[in-house]
Amino acid sequence: MLFAFVCKDKPGYLNVRMETRPAHLEYLNKLNAEGTLKMAGPFLDAEGKPNGSLVVVKAENVEAAVAIADADPYAKAGLFESVEIKPFNWVFNNPEA
């Protein structure tokens, strides 16, 4: 089952995002190698600066998805103001379909 993480950064936390980015990318690369990560990328503000994230993962259930989200270095660093975890049905342009 797929889950989408819709993450909103705390205002004024761009420095936390940038400082934590190498660890975050390492984490995503690990998830990708396992086949867990399906897609990911930042949301951008009007100036083109990142202010949130969209991450889609494959997980057995919502509890497993929550564990994946909680283990992200961005989450551990306190970057996010909010994280919504929603079941996701990838209909169009899904390379596995």
PDB file of N, CA and C in Angstrom:
ATOM      1  N   MET A   1       0.847  -1.170   0.000  1.00  0.00           N
ATOM      2  CA  MET A   1       0.000   0.000   0.000  1.00  0.00           C
ATOM      3  C   MET A   1       0.896   1.237   0.000  1.00  0.00           C
ATOM      4  N   LEU A   2       0.463   2.263  -0.724  1.00  0.00           N
ATOM      5  CA  LEU A   2       1.231   3.511  -0.769  1.00  0.00           C
ATOM      6  C   LEU A   2       0.655   4.539   0.197  1.00  0.00           C
ATOM      7  N   PHE A   3       1.564   5.353   0.738  1.00  0.00           N
ATOM      8  CA  PHE A   3       1.194   6.444   1.633  1.00  0.00           C
ATOM      9  C   PHE A   3       1.946   7.699   1.209  1.00  0.00           C
ATOM     10  N   ALA A   4       1.233   8.816   1.213  1.00  0.00           N
ATOM     11  CA  ALA A   4       1.843  10.114   0.919  1.00  0.00           C
ATOM     12  C   ALA A   4       2.022  10.873   2.223  1.00  0.00           C
ATOM     13  N   PHE A   5       3.221  11.423   2.390  1.00  0.00           N
ATOM     14  CA  PHE A   5       3.502  12.303   3.525  1.00  0.00           C
ATOM     15  C   PHE A   5       3.478  13.727   2.990  1.00  0.00           C
ATOM     16  N   VAL A   6       2.591  14.541   3.504  1.00  0.00           N
ATOM     17  CA  VAL A   6       2.511  15.953   3.132  1.00  0.00           C
ATOM     18  C   VAL A   6       3.034  16.733   4.342  1.00  0.00           C
ATOM     19  N   CYS A   7       4.256  17.238   4.183  1.00  0.00           N
ATOM     20  CA  CYS A   7       4.972  17.843   5.306  1.00  0.00           C
ATOM     21  C   CYS A   7       5.103  19.347   5.104  1.00  0.00           C
ATOM     22  N   LYS A   8       4.772  20.096   6.129  1.00  0.00           N
ATOM     23  CA  LYS A   8       4.888  21.560   6.098  1.00  0.00           C
ATOM     24  C   LYS A   8       5.987  21.981   7.060  1.00  0.00           C
ATOM     25  N   ASP A   9       6.961  22.747   6.540  1.00  0.00           N
ATOM     26  CA  ASP A   9       8.053  23.223   7.387  1.00  0.00           C
ATOM     27  C   ASP A   9       7.565  24.297   8.358  1.00  0.00           C
ATOM     28  N   LYS A  10       8.219  24.383   9.501  1.00  0.00           N
ATOM     29  CA  LYS A  10       7.979  25.484  10.427  1.00  0.00           C
ATOM     30  C   LYS A  10       8.526  26.764   9.794  1.00  0.00           C
ATOM     31  N   PRO A  11       7.842  27.884   9.969  1.00  0.00           N
ATOM     32  CA  PRO A  11       8.366  29.153   9.446  1.00  0.00           C
ATOM     33  C   PRO A  11       9.738  29.466  10.037  1.00  0.00           C
ATOM     34  N   GLY A  12      10.646  29.945   9.205  1.00  0.00           N
ATOM     35  CA  GLY A  12      11.965  30.336   9.670  1.00  0.00           C
ATOM     36  C   GLY A  12      12.918  29.179   9.906  1.00  0.00           C
ATOM     37  N   TYR A  13      12.582  27.988   9.423  1.00  0.00           N
ATOM     38  CA  TYR A  13      13.404  26.805   9.672  1.00  0.00           C
ATOM     39  C   TYR A  13      14.200  26.358   8.446  1.00  0.00           C
ATOM     40  N   LEU A  14      14.386  27.242   7.455  1.00  0.00           N
ATOM     41  CA  LEU A  14      15.148  26.865   6.268  1.00  0.00           C
ATOM     42  C   LEU A  14      16.559  26.409   6.633  1.00  0.00           C
ATOM     43  N   ASN A  15      17.159  27.059   7.639  1.00  0.00           N
ATOM     44  CA  ASN A  15      18.514  26.658   8.054  1.00  0.00           C
ATOM     45  C   ASN A  15      18.529  25.228   8.585  1.00  0.00           C
ATOM     46  N   VAL A  16      17.480  24.816   9.300  1.00  0.00           N
ATOM     47  CA  VAL A  16      17.395  23.442   9.805  1.00  0.00           C
ATOM     48  C   VAL A  16      17.294  22.472   8.626  1.00  0.00           C
ATOM     49  N   ARG A  17      16.490  22.832   7.637  1.00  0.00           N
ATOM     50  CA  ARG A  17      16.354  21.997   6.440  1.00  0.00           C
ATOM     51  C   ARG A  17      17.707  21.827   5.757  1.00  0.00           C
ATOM     52  N   MET A  18      18.411  22.928   5.553  1.00  0.00           N
ATOM     53  CA  MET A  18      19.676  22.866   4.816  1.00  0.00           C
ATOM     54  C   MET A  18      20.751  22.106   5.607  1.00  0.00           C
ATOM     55  N   GLU A  19      20.792  22.306   6.914  1.00  0.00           N
ATOM     56  CA  GLU A  19      21.782  21.607   7.746  1.00  0.00           C
ATOM     57  C   GLU A  19      21.514  20.107   7.817  1.00  0.00           C
ATOM     58  N   THR A  20      20.240  19.724   7.759  1.00  0.00           N
ATOM     59  CA  THR A  20      19.849  18.325   7.906  1.00  0.00           C
ATOM     60  C   THR A  20      19.746  17.611   6.560  1.00  0.00           C
ATOM     61  N   ARG A  21      19.820  18.361   5.475  1.00  0.00           N
ATOM     62  CA  ARG A  21      19.599  17.796   4.148  1.00  0.00           C
ATOM     63  C   ARG A  21      20.494  16.597   3.824  1.00  0.00           C
ATOM     64  N   PRO A  22      21.798  16.623   4.088  1.00  0.00           N
ATOM     65  CA  PRO A  22      22.611  15.443   3.766  1.00  0.00           C
ATOM     66  C   PRO A  22      22.111  14.162   4.448  1.00  0.00           C
ATOM     67  N   ALA A  23      21.747  14.238   5.717  1.00  0.00           N
ATOM     68  CA  ALA A  23      21.234  13.062   6.433  1.00  0.00           C
ATOM     69  C   ALA A  23      19.875  12.636   5.871  1.00  0.00           C
ATOM     70  N   HIS A  24      19.044  13.621   5.517  1.00  0.00           N
ATOM     71  CA  HIS A  24      17.735  13.332   4.926  1.00  0.00           C
ATOM     72  C   HIS A  24      17.913  12.598   3.596  1.00  0.00           C
ATOM     73  N   LEU A  25      18.817  13.089   2.738  1.00  0.00           N
ATOM     74  CA  LEU A  25      19.050  12.438   1.447  1.00  0.00           C
ATOM     75  C   LEU A  25      19.609  11.024   1.629  1.00  0.00           C
ATOM     76  N   GLU A  26      20.472  10.842   2.591  1.00  0.00           N
ATOM     77  CA  GLU A  26      21.001   9.506   2.884  1.00  0.00           C
ATOM     78  C   GLU A  26      19.866   8.571   3.285  1.00  0.00           C
ATOM     79  N   TYR A  27      18.949   9.067   4.113  1.00  0.00           N
ATOM     80  CA  TYR A  27      17.799   8.275   4.542  1.00  0.00           C
ATOM     81  C   TYR A  27      16.916   7.901   3.342  1.00  0.00           C
ATOM     82  N   LEU A  28      16.635   8.886   2.478  1.00  0.00           N
ATOM     83  CA  LEU A  28      15.806   8.610   1.304  1.00  0.00           C
ATOM     84  C   LEU A  28      16.498   7.635   0.362  1.00  0.00           C
ATOM     85  N   ASN A  29      17.796   7.761   0.196  1.00  0.00           N
ATOM     86  CA  ASN A  29      18.535   6.816  -0.650  1.00  0.00           C
ATOM     87  C   ASN A  29      18.446   5.393  -0.111  1.00  0.00           C
ATOM     88  N   LYS A  30      18.484   5.245   1.215  1.00  0.00           N
ATOM     89  CA  LYS A  30      18.330   3.928   1.843  1.00  0.00           C
ATOM     90  C   LYS A  30      16.934   3.375   1.563  1.00  0.00           C
ATOM     91  N   LEU A  31      15.909   4.211   1.731  1.00  0.00           N
ATOM     92  CA  LEU A  31      14.538   3.776   1.445  1.00  0.00           C
ATOM     93  C   LEU A  31      14.380   3.406  -0.027  1.00  0.00           C
ATOM     94  N   ASN A  32      15.020   4.159  -0.902  1.00  0.00           N
ATOM     95  CA  ASN A  32      14.951   3.891  -2.331  1.00  0.00           C
ATOM     96  C   ASN A  32      15.589   2.540  -2.654  1.00  0.00           C
ATOM     97  N   ALA A  33      16.748   2.275  -2.075  1.00  0.00           N
ATOM     98  CA  ALA A  33      17.449   1.016  -2.315  1.00  0.00           C
ATOM     99  C   ALA A  33      16.611  -0.177  -1.845  1.00  0.00           C
ATOM    100  N   GLU A  34      15.826   0.018  -0.799  1.00  0.00           N
ATOM    101  CA  GLU A  34      14.955  -1.049  -0.269  1.00  0.00           C
ATOM    102  C   GLU A  34      13.685  -1.232  -1.105  1.00  0.00           C
ATOM    103  N   GLY A  35      13.398  -0.271  -1.989  1.00  0.00           N
ATOM    104  CA  GLY A  35      12.152  -0.304  -2.743  1.00  0.00           C
ATOM    105  C   GLY A  35      10.988   0.320  -2.007  1.00  0.00           C
ATOM    106  N   THR A  36      11.262   0.958  -0.882  1.00  0.00           N
ATOM    107  CA  THR A  36      10.212   1.585  -0.071  1.00  0.00           C
ATOM    108  C   THR A  36       9.816   2.949  -0.611  1.00  0.00           C
ATOM    109  N   LEU A  37      10.788   3.740  -1.036  1.00  0.00           N
ATOM    110  CA  LEU A  37      10.529   5.094  -1.538  1.00  0.00           C
ATOM    111  C   LEU A  37      10.028   5.034  -2.969  1.00  0.00           C
ATOM    112  N   LYS A  38       8.925   5.703  -3.239  1.00  0.00           N
ATOM    113  CA  LYS A  38       8.373   5.755  -4.591  1.00  0.00           C
ATOM    114  C   LYS A  38       8.655   7.097  -5.252  1.00  0.00           C
ATOM    115  N   MET A  39       8.556   8.184  -4.505  1.00  0.00           N
ATOM    116  CA  MET A  39       8.920   9.506  -5.020  1.00  0.00           C
ATOM    117  C   MET A  39       8.998  10.478  -3.861  1.00  0.00           C
ATOM    118  N   ALA A  40       9.745  11.565  -4.087  1.00  0.00           N
ATOM    119  CA  ALA A  40       9.892  12.565  -3.034  1.00  0.00           C
ATOM    120  C   ALA A  40      10.417  13.863  -3.632  1.00  0.00           C
ATOM    121  N   GLY A  41      10.098  14.954  -2.967  1.00  0.00           N
ATOM    122  CA  GLY A  41      10.622  16.248  -3.368  1.00  0.00           C
ATOM    123  C   GLY A  41      10.042  17.344  -2.497  1.00  0.00           C
ATOM    124  N   PRO A  42      10.662  18.533  -2.574  1.00  0.00           N
ATOM    125  CA  PRO A  42      10.212  19.639  -1.731  1.00  0.00           C
ATOM    126  C   PRO A  42       9.083  20.444  -2.378  1.00  0.00           C
ATOM    127  N   PHE A  43       8.250  21.024  -1.528  1.00  0.00           N
ATOM    128  CA  PHE A  43       7.347  22.093  -1.952  1.00  0.00           C
ATOM    129  C   PHE A  43       8.170  23.371  -1.947  1.00  0.00           C
ATOM    130  N   LEU A  44       7.803  24.320  -2.790  1.00  0.00           N
ATOM    131  CA  LEU A  44       8.553  25.571  -2.902  1.00  0.00           C
ATOM    132  C   LEU A  44       7.651  26.765  -2.614  1.00  0.00           C
ATOM    133  N   ASP A  45       8.241  27.789  -1.990  1.00  0.00           N
ATOM    134  CA  ASP A  45       7.494  29.021  -1.749  1.00  0.00           C
ATOM    135  C   ASP A  45       7.553  29.912  -3.000  1.00  0.00           C
ATOM    136  N   ALA A  46       7.003  31.113  -2.912  1.00  0.00           N
ATOM    137  CA  ALA A  46       6.952  32.028  -4.049  1.00  0.00           C
ATOM    138  C   ALA A  46       8.330  32.438  -4.548  1.00  0.00           C
ATOM    139  N   GLU A  47       9.332  32.332  -3.681  1.00  0.00           N
ATOM    140  CA  GLU A  47      10.701  32.682  -4.052  1.00  0.00           C
ATOM    141  C   GLU A  47      11.500  31.471  -4.537  1.00  0.00           C
ATOM    142  N   GLY A  48      10.850  30.304  -4.587  1.00  0.00           N
ATOM    143  CA  GLY A  48      11.520  29.098  -5.042  1.00  0.00           C
ATOM    144  C   GLY A  48      12.314  28.376  -3.970  1.00  0.00           C
ATOM    145  N   LYS A  49      12.123  28.770  -2.719  1.00  0.00           N
ATOM    146  CA  LYS A  49      12.831  28.122  -1.609  1.00  0.00           C
ATOM    147  C   LYS A  49      11.957  27.011  -1.029  1.00  0.00           C
ATOM    148  N   PRO A  50      12.575  25.892  -0.604  1.00  0.00           N
ATOM    149  CA  PRO A  50      11.787  24.793  -0.051  1.00  0.00           C
ATOM    150  C   PRO A  50      11.088  25.188   1.247  1.00  0.00           C
ATOM    151  N   ASN A  51       9.826  24.737   1.355  1.00  0.00           N
ATOM    152  CA  ASN A  51       9.064  25.034   2.566  1.00  0.00           C
ATOM    153  C   ASN A  51       8.193  23.858   3.017  1.00  0.00           C
ATOM    154  N   GLY A  52       8.531  22.676   2.524  1.00  0.00           N
ATOM    155  CA  GLY A  52       7.793  21.473   2.876  1.00  0.00           C
ATOM    156  C   GLY A  52       8.256  20.329   2.001  1.00  0.00           C
ATOM    157  N   SER A  53       7.637  19.180   2.183  1.00  0.00           N
ATOM    158  CA  SER A  53       8.030  18.000   1.421  1.00  0.00           C
ATOM    159  C   SER A  53       6.818  17.150   1.077  1.00  0.00           C
ATOM    160  N   LEU A  54       6.923  16.469  -0.063  1.00  0.00           N
ATOM    161  CA  LEU A  54       5.990  15.411  -0.436  1.00  0.00           C
ATOM    162  C   LEU A  54       6.824  14.144  -0.580  1.00  0.00           C
ATOM    163  N   VAL A  55       6.462  13.115   0.175  1.00  0.00           N
ATOM    164  CA  VAL A  55       7.172  11.843   0.126  1.00  0.00           C
ATOM    165  C   VAL A  55       6.113  10.755  -0.028  1.00  0.00           C
ATOM    166  N   VAL A  56       6.321   9.850  -0.982  1.00  0.00           N
ATOM    167  CA  VAL A  56       5.407   8.726  -1.174  1.00  0.00           C
ATOM    168  C   VAL A  56       6.200   7.439  -0.953  1.00  0.00           C
ATOM    169  N   VAL A  57       5.694   6.610  -0.045  1.00  0.00           N
ATOM    170  CA  VAL A  57       6.369   5.359   0.304  1.00  0.00           C
ATOM    171  C   VAL A  57       5.410   4.178   0.208  1.00  0.00           C
ATOM    172  N   LYS A  58       6.005   3.017   0.074  1.00  0.00           N
ATOM    173  CA  LYS A  58       5.251   1.768   0.156  1.00  0.00           C
ATOM    174  C   LYS A  58       5.426   1.236   1.571  1.00  0.00           C
ATOM    175  N   ALA A  59       4.297   0.919   2.224  1.00  0.00           N
ATOM    176  CA  ALA A  59       4.329   0.388   3.584  1.00  0.00           C
ATOM    177  C   ALA A  59       3.175  -0.588   3.776  1.00  0.00           C
ATOM    178  N   GLU A  60       3.340  -1.500   4.715  1.00  0.00           N
ATOM    179  CA  GLU A  60       2.319  -2.516   4.987  1.00  0.00           C
ATOM    180  C   GLU A  60       1.015  -1.911   5.510  1.00  0.00           C
ATOM    181  N   ASN A  61       1.149  -0.864   6.343  1.00  0.00           N
ATOM    182  CA  ASN A  61      -0.024  -0.255   6.955  1.00  0.00           C
ATOM    183  C   ASN A  61       0.346   1.153   7.420  1.00  0.00           C
ATOM    184  N   VAL A  62      -0.620   1.856   7.954  1.00  0.00           N
ATOM    185  CA  VAL A  62      -0.381   3.240   8.362  1.00  0.00           C
ATOM    186  C   VAL A  62       0.631   3.318   9.501  1.00  0.00           C
ATOM    187  N   GLU A  63       0.632   2.334  10.388  1.00  0.00           N
ATOM    188  CA  GLU A  63       1.601   2.345  11.485  1.00  0.00           C
ATOM    189  C   GLU A  63       3.035   2.259  10.957  1.00  0.00           C
ATOM    190  N   ALA A  64       3.254   1.429   9.957  1.00  0.00           N
ATOM    191  CA  ALA A  64       4.584   1.321   9.342  1.00  0.00           C
ATOM    192  C   ALA A  64       4.949   2.615   8.624  1.00  0.00           C
ATOM    193  N   ALA A  65       3.964   3.244   7.978  1.00  0.00           N
ATOM    194  CA  ALA A  65       4.210   4.523   7.308  1.00  0.00           C
ATOM    195  C   ALA A  65       4.586   5.599   8.318  1.00  0.00           C
ATOM    196  N   VAL A  66       3.906   5.630   9.447  1.00  0.00           N
ATOM    197  CA  VAL A  66       4.225   6.593  10.509  1.00  0.00           C
ATOM    198  C   VAL A  66       5.649   6.378  11.004  1.00  0.00           C
ATOM    199  N   ALA A  67       6.054   5.127  11.166  1.00  0.00           N
ATOM    200  CA  ALA A  67       7.419   4.828  11.616  1.00  0.00           C
ATOM    201  C   ALA A  67       8.448   5.329  10.610  1.00  0.00           C
ATOM    202  N   ILE A  68       8.167   5.179   9.326  1.00  0.00           N
ATOM    203  CA  ILE A  68       9.070   5.671   8.278  1.00  0.00           C
ATOM    204  C   ILE A  68       9.161   7.190   8.357  1.00  0.00           C
ATOM    205  N   ALA A  69       8.024   7.853   8.474  1.00  0.00           N
ATOM    206  CA  ALA A  69       8.007   9.323   8.552  1.00  0.00           C
ATOM    207  C   ALA A  69       8.744   9.812   9.795  1.00  0.00           C
ATOM    208  N   ASP A  70       8.523   9.167  10.923  1.00  0.00           N
ATOM    209  CA  ASP A  70       9.143   9.591  12.177  1.00  0.00           C
ATOM    210  C   ASP A  70      10.662   9.406  12.173  1.00  0.00           C
ATOM    211  N   ALA A  71      11.164   8.449  11.383  1.00  0.00           N
ATOM    212  CA  ALA A  71      12.597   8.170  11.332  1.00  0.00           C
ATOM    213  C   ALA A  71      13.352   9.117  10.404  1.00  0.00           C
ATOM    214  N   ASP A  72      12.643   9.927   9.634  1.00  0.00           N
ATOM    215  CA  ASP A  72      13.295  10.866   8.719  1.00  0.00           C
ATOM    216  C   ASP A  72      14.096  11.893   9.528  1.00  0.00           C
ATOM    217  N   PRO A  73      15.340  12.141   9.157  1.00  0.00           N
ATOM    218  CA  PRO A  73      16.137  13.140   9.874  1.00  0.00           C
ATOM    219  C   PRO A  73      15.478  14.521   9.937  1.00  0.00           C
ATOM    220  N   TYR A  74      14.714  14.904   8.922  1.00  0.00           N
ATOM    221  CA  TYR A  74      13.993  16.183   8.988  1.00  0.00           C
ATOM    222  C   TYR A  74      13.008  16.174  10.158  1.00  0.00           C
ATOM    223  N   ALA A  75      12.264  15.095  10.309  1.00  0.00           N
ATOM    224  CA  ALA A  75      11.307  14.992  11.413  1.00  0.00           C
ATOM    225  C   ALA A  75      12.031  14.994  12.756  1.00  0.00           C
ATOM    226  N   LYS A  76      13.117  14.240  12.846  1.00  0.00           N
ATOM    227  CA  LYS A  76      13.886  14.173  14.092  1.00  0.00           C
ATOM    228  C   LYS A  76      14.480  15.525  14.473  1.00  0.00           C
ATOM    229  N   ALA A  77      14.792  16.358  13.452  1.00  0.00           N
ATOM    230  CA  ALA A  77      15.372  17.679  13.703  1.00  0.00           C
ATOM    231  C   ALA A  77      14.310  18.718  14.058  1.00  0.00           C
ATOM    232  N   GLY A  78      13.038  18.334  14.022  1.00  0.00           N
ATOM    233  CA  GLY A  78      11.970  19.267  14.355  1.00  0.00           C
ATOM    234  C   GLY A  78      11.639  20.247  13.250  1.00  0.00           C
ATOM    235  N   LEU A  79      11.958  19.898  11.994  1.00  0.00           N
ATOM    236  CA  LEU A  79      11.716  20.800  10.862  1.00  0.00           C
ATOM    237  C   LEU A  79      10.232  21.025  10.597  1.00  0.00           C
ATOM    238  N   PHE A  80       9.429  19.999  10.752  1.00  0.00           N
ATOM    239  CA  PHE A  80       8.054  20.068  10.280  1.00  0.00           C
ATOM    240  C   PHE A  80       7.082  20.647  11.306  1.00  0.00           C
ATOM    241  N   GLU A  81       6.259  21.567  10.827  1.00  0.00           N
ATOM    242  CA  GLU A  81       5.140  22.104  11.605  1.00  0.00           C
ATOM    243  C   GLU A  81       4.012  21.077  11.647  1.00  0.00           C
ATOM    244  N   SER A  82       3.835  20.372  10.527  1.00  0.00           N
ATOM    245  CA  SER A  82       2.799  19.344  10.449  1.00  0.00           C
ATOM    246  C   SER A  82       3.196  18.288   9.422  1.00  0.00           C
ATOM    247  N   VAL A  83       2.700  17.074   9.641  1.00  0.00           N
ATOM    248  CA  VAL A  83       2.888  15.967   8.704  1.00  0.00           C
ATOM    249  C   VAL A  83       1.554  15.238   8.602  1.00  0.00           C
ATOM    250  N   GLU A  84       0.989  15.224   7.402  1.00  0.00           N
ATOM    251  CA  GLU A  84      -0.215  14.438   7.137  1.00  0.00           C
ATOM    252  C   GLU A  84       0.226  13.169   6.438  1.00  0.00           C
ATOM    253  N   ILE A  85      -0.280  12.034   6.881  1.00  0.00           N
ATOM    254  CA  ILE A  85       0.026  10.759   6.251  1.00  0.00           C
ATOM    255  C   ILE A  85      -1.289  10.204   5.711  1.00  0.00           C
ATOM    256  N   LYS A  86      -1.329  10.060   4.376  1.00  0.00           N
ATOM    257  CA  LYS A  86      -2.572   9.673   3.726  1.00  0.00           C
ATOM    258  C   LYS A  86      -2.346   8.475   2.813  1.00  0.00           C
ATOM    259  N   PRO A  87      -3.264   7.507   2.799  1.00  0.00           N
ATOM    260  CA  PRO A  87      -3.189   6.447   1.801  1.00  0.00           C
ATOM    261  C   PRO A  87      -3.243   7.093   0.412  1.00  0.00           C
ATOM    262  N   PHE A  88      -2.465   6.531  -0.520  1.00  0.00           N
ATOM    263  CA  PHE A  88      -2.310   7.146  -1.834  1.00  0.00           C
ATOM    264  C   PHE A  88      -2.472   6.094  -2.921  1.00  0.00           C
ATOM    265  N   ASN A  89      -3.239   6.421  -3.946  1.00  0.00           N
ATOM    266  CA  ASN A  89      -3.438   5.548  -5.093  1.00  0.00           C
ATOM    267  C   ASN A  89      -2.799   6.211  -6.309  1.00  0.00           C
ATOM    268  N   TRP A  90      -1.645   5.718  -6.726  1.00  0.00           N
ATOM    269  CA  TRP A  90      -0.899   6.296  -7.849  1.00  0.00           C
ATOM    270  C   TRP A  90      -1.484   5.753  -9.142  1.00  0.00           C
ATOM    271  N   VAL A  91      -2.337   6.544  -9.797  1.00  0.00           N
ATOM    272  CA  VAL A  91      -3.075   6.105 -10.977  1.00  0.00           C
ATOM    273  C   VAL A  91      -2.322   6.442 -12.264  1.00  0.00           C
ATOM    274  N   PHE A  92      -1.945   7.689 -12.459  1.00  0.00           N
ATOM    275  CA  PHE A  92      -1.339   8.120 -13.707  1.00  0.00           C
ATOM    276  C   PHE A  92       0.188   8.164 -13.609  1.00  0.00           C
ATOM    277  N   ASN A  93       0.856   7.723 -14.662  1.00  0.00           N
ATOM    278  CA  ASN A  93       2.314   7.751 -14.785  1.00  0.00           C
ATOM    279  C   ASN A  93       3.038   6.952 -13.717  1.00  0.00           C
ATOM    280  N   ASN A  94       2.386   5.939 -13.201  1.00  0.00           N
ATOM    281  CA  ASN A  94       3.014   5.037 -12.250  1.00  0.00           C
ATOM    282  C   ASN A  94       3.874   4.051 -13.037  1.00  0.00           C
ATOM    283  N   PRO A  95       5.183   4.090 -12.869  1.00  0.00           N
ATOM    284  CA  PRO A  95       6.024   3.189 -13.656  1.00  0.00           C
ATOM    285  C   PRO A  95       5.817   1.706 -13.357  1.00  0.00           C
ATOM    286  N   GLU A  96       5.190   1.399 -12.227  1.00  0.00           N
ATOM    287  CA  GLU A  96       4.948  -0.001 -11.877  1.00  0.00           C
ATOM    288  C   GLU A  96       3.586  -0.513 -12.348  1.00  0.00           C
ATOM    289  N   ALA A  97       2.773   0.401 -12.897  1.00  0.00           N
ATOM    290  CA  ALA A  97       1.426   0.006 -13.333  1.00  0.00           C
ATOM    291  C   ALA A  97       1.462  -0.692 -14.683  1.00  0.00           C
TER     292      ALA A  97
END
